[in-house]
Protein backbone atom coordinates (compact mmCIF):
# COMPACT_ATOMS: atom_id res chain seq x y z
CA MET A 1 -46.52 -10.86 -56.21
CA ILE A 2 -46.38 -8.33 -59.29
CA SER A 3 -42.69 -8.40 -59.45
CA ARG A 4 -42.81 -12.35 -60.10
CA ILE A 5 -45.30 -11.70 -62.68
CA THR A 6 -43.30 -8.90 -64.20
CA ALA A 7 -40.19 -11.15 -64.07
CA GLY A 8 -41.99 -14.19 -65.42
CA ALA A 9 -43.32 -12.18 -68.35
CA LEU A 10 -39.89 -10.51 -69.04
CA ALA A 11 -38.34 -14.14 -68.96
CA ALA A 12 -40.99 -15.40 -71.32
CA SER A 13 -40.33 -12.67 -73.76
CA ALA A 14 -36.70 -13.01 -73.71
CA LEU A 15 -36.93 -16.94 -74.41
CA ILE A 16 -39.28 -15.95 -77.19
CA ALA A 17 -36.66 -13.55 -78.64
CA LEU A 18 -34.05 -15.80 -78.19
CA CYS A 19 -36.00 -18.75 -80.16
CA SER A 20 -37.05 -16.63 -82.88
CA SER A 21 -33.20 -15.72 -83.42
CA LEU A 22 -31.96 -19.23 -83.75
CA PRO A 23 -31.55 -20.61 -87.52
CA THR A 24 -34.13 -22.18 -88.93
CA GLY A 25 -33.59 -25.41 -90.99
CA PRO A 26 -35.61 -26.66 -94.13
CA VAL A 27 -38.65 -27.00 -92.24
CA ALA A 28 -39.27 -23.15 -92.67
CA ALA A 29 -38.05 -23.29 -96.18
CA CYS A 30 -41.59 -23.28 -97.55
CA ASN A 31 -44.42 -21.58 -95.75
CA ARG A 32 -46.36 -20.35 -98.69
CA MET A 33 -50.02 -20.80 -98.81
CA ASP A 34 -50.01 -23.35 -101.61
CA GLY A 35 -47.04 -25.23 -100.67
CA CYS A 36 -43.94 -26.22 -102.34
CA ILE A 37 -45.42 -29.18 -104.29
CA HIS A 38 -46.03 -26.59 -107.34
CA ASP A 39 -42.24 -25.67 -107.42
CA ALA A 40 -41.66 -29.33 -107.83
CA GLN A 41 -44.39 -30.03 -110.51
CA LEU A 42 -42.99 -27.00 -112.54
CA GLU A 43 -39.74 -28.42 -112.51
CA ASN A 44 -40.90 -31.65 -113.84
CA TYR A 45 -43.13 -29.95 -116.53
CA GLY A 46 -40.28 -27.80 -117.51
CA MET A 47 -37.81 -30.83 -117.72
CA MET A 48 -40.46 -32.66 -119.99
CA HIS A 49 -40.91 -30.08 -122.32
CA ASP A 50 -37.25 -28.72 -122.80
CA GLY A 51 -35.68 -32.20 -123.29
CA ARG A 52 -33.86 -32.76 -120.08
CA MET A 53 -35.86 -35.42 -118.80
CA SER A 54 -35.70 -37.61 -122.19
CA GLU A 55 -31.91 -36.78 -121.88
CA ALA A 56 -31.82 -38.15 -118.31
CA MET A 57 -33.67 -41.06 -119.31
CA ARG A 58 -31.32 -41.88 -122.07
CA SER A 59 -28.27 -41.49 -119.90
CA GLY A 60 -29.98 -43.72 -117.42
CA ALA A 61 -30.75 -46.50 -119.87
CA GLU A 62 -27.21 -46.27 -121.26
CA ASN A 63 -25.54 -46.75 -117.59
CA VAL A 64 -27.85 -49.91 -117.15
CA GLU A 65 -27.04 -51.32 -120.13
CA ALA A 66 -23.06 -50.58 -119.50
CA PHE A 67 -23.49 -52.11 -116.26
CA ARG A 68 -25.17 -55.25 -117.58
CA SER A 69 -22.65 -55.41 -120.36
CA THR A 70 -19.63 -55.81 -117.82
CA GLY A 71 -20.92 -58.70 -116.50
CA THR A 72 -20.85 -57.40 -112.99
CA MET A 73 -24.34 -58.33 -112.28
CA ALA A 74 -24.37 -60.73 -109.32
CA SER A 75 -25.93 -64.21 -109.91
CA GLN A 76 -29.08 -64.56 -107.93
CA PRO A 77 -29.93 -68.29 -106.66
CA GLU A 78 -33.05 -69.48 -107.87
CA GLN A 79 -35.78 -69.48 -105.04
CA PRO A 80 -37.92 -72.45 -104.58
CA ARG A 81 -41.57 -72.09 -105.42
CA PRO A 82 -43.90 -71.65 -102.72
CA LYS A 83 -45.99 -74.76 -101.69
CA PRO A 84 -49.72 -73.96 -102.13
CA ARG A 85 -51.78 -73.50 -99.17
CA ARG A 86 -54.65 -75.63 -97.98
CA PRO A 87 -57.85 -73.94 -97.79
CA PRO A 88 -58.92 -72.80 -94.12
CA ALA A 89 -60.95 -75.40 -92.48
CA ALA A 90 -64.81 -74.45 -92.17
CA ALA A 91 -65.59 -72.75 -89.04
CA SER A 92 -67.49 -74.85 -86.77
CA GLY A 93 -70.88 -73.36 -85.41
CA ARG A 94 -70.15 -74.20 -81.68
């Protein structure tokens, strides 16, 4: 009986050791108490204040304008206007 308990404990510890040696993915990349949202906020704040964000917005606007000027925008068929719905019938108090 004791030998089975010892063997089970040894197998469990071997399994735990094996699992802890496996490579972890991005799930364990941020395990700080305050989370990683502060990193994203600081990056956004930095981009706003050093001009990278306005540069990216200008670049994006230029790309949109270039796309529109080439005439490659697909023509979209006009969609029919939805018919007005009738008001729901009054509920009967049966």
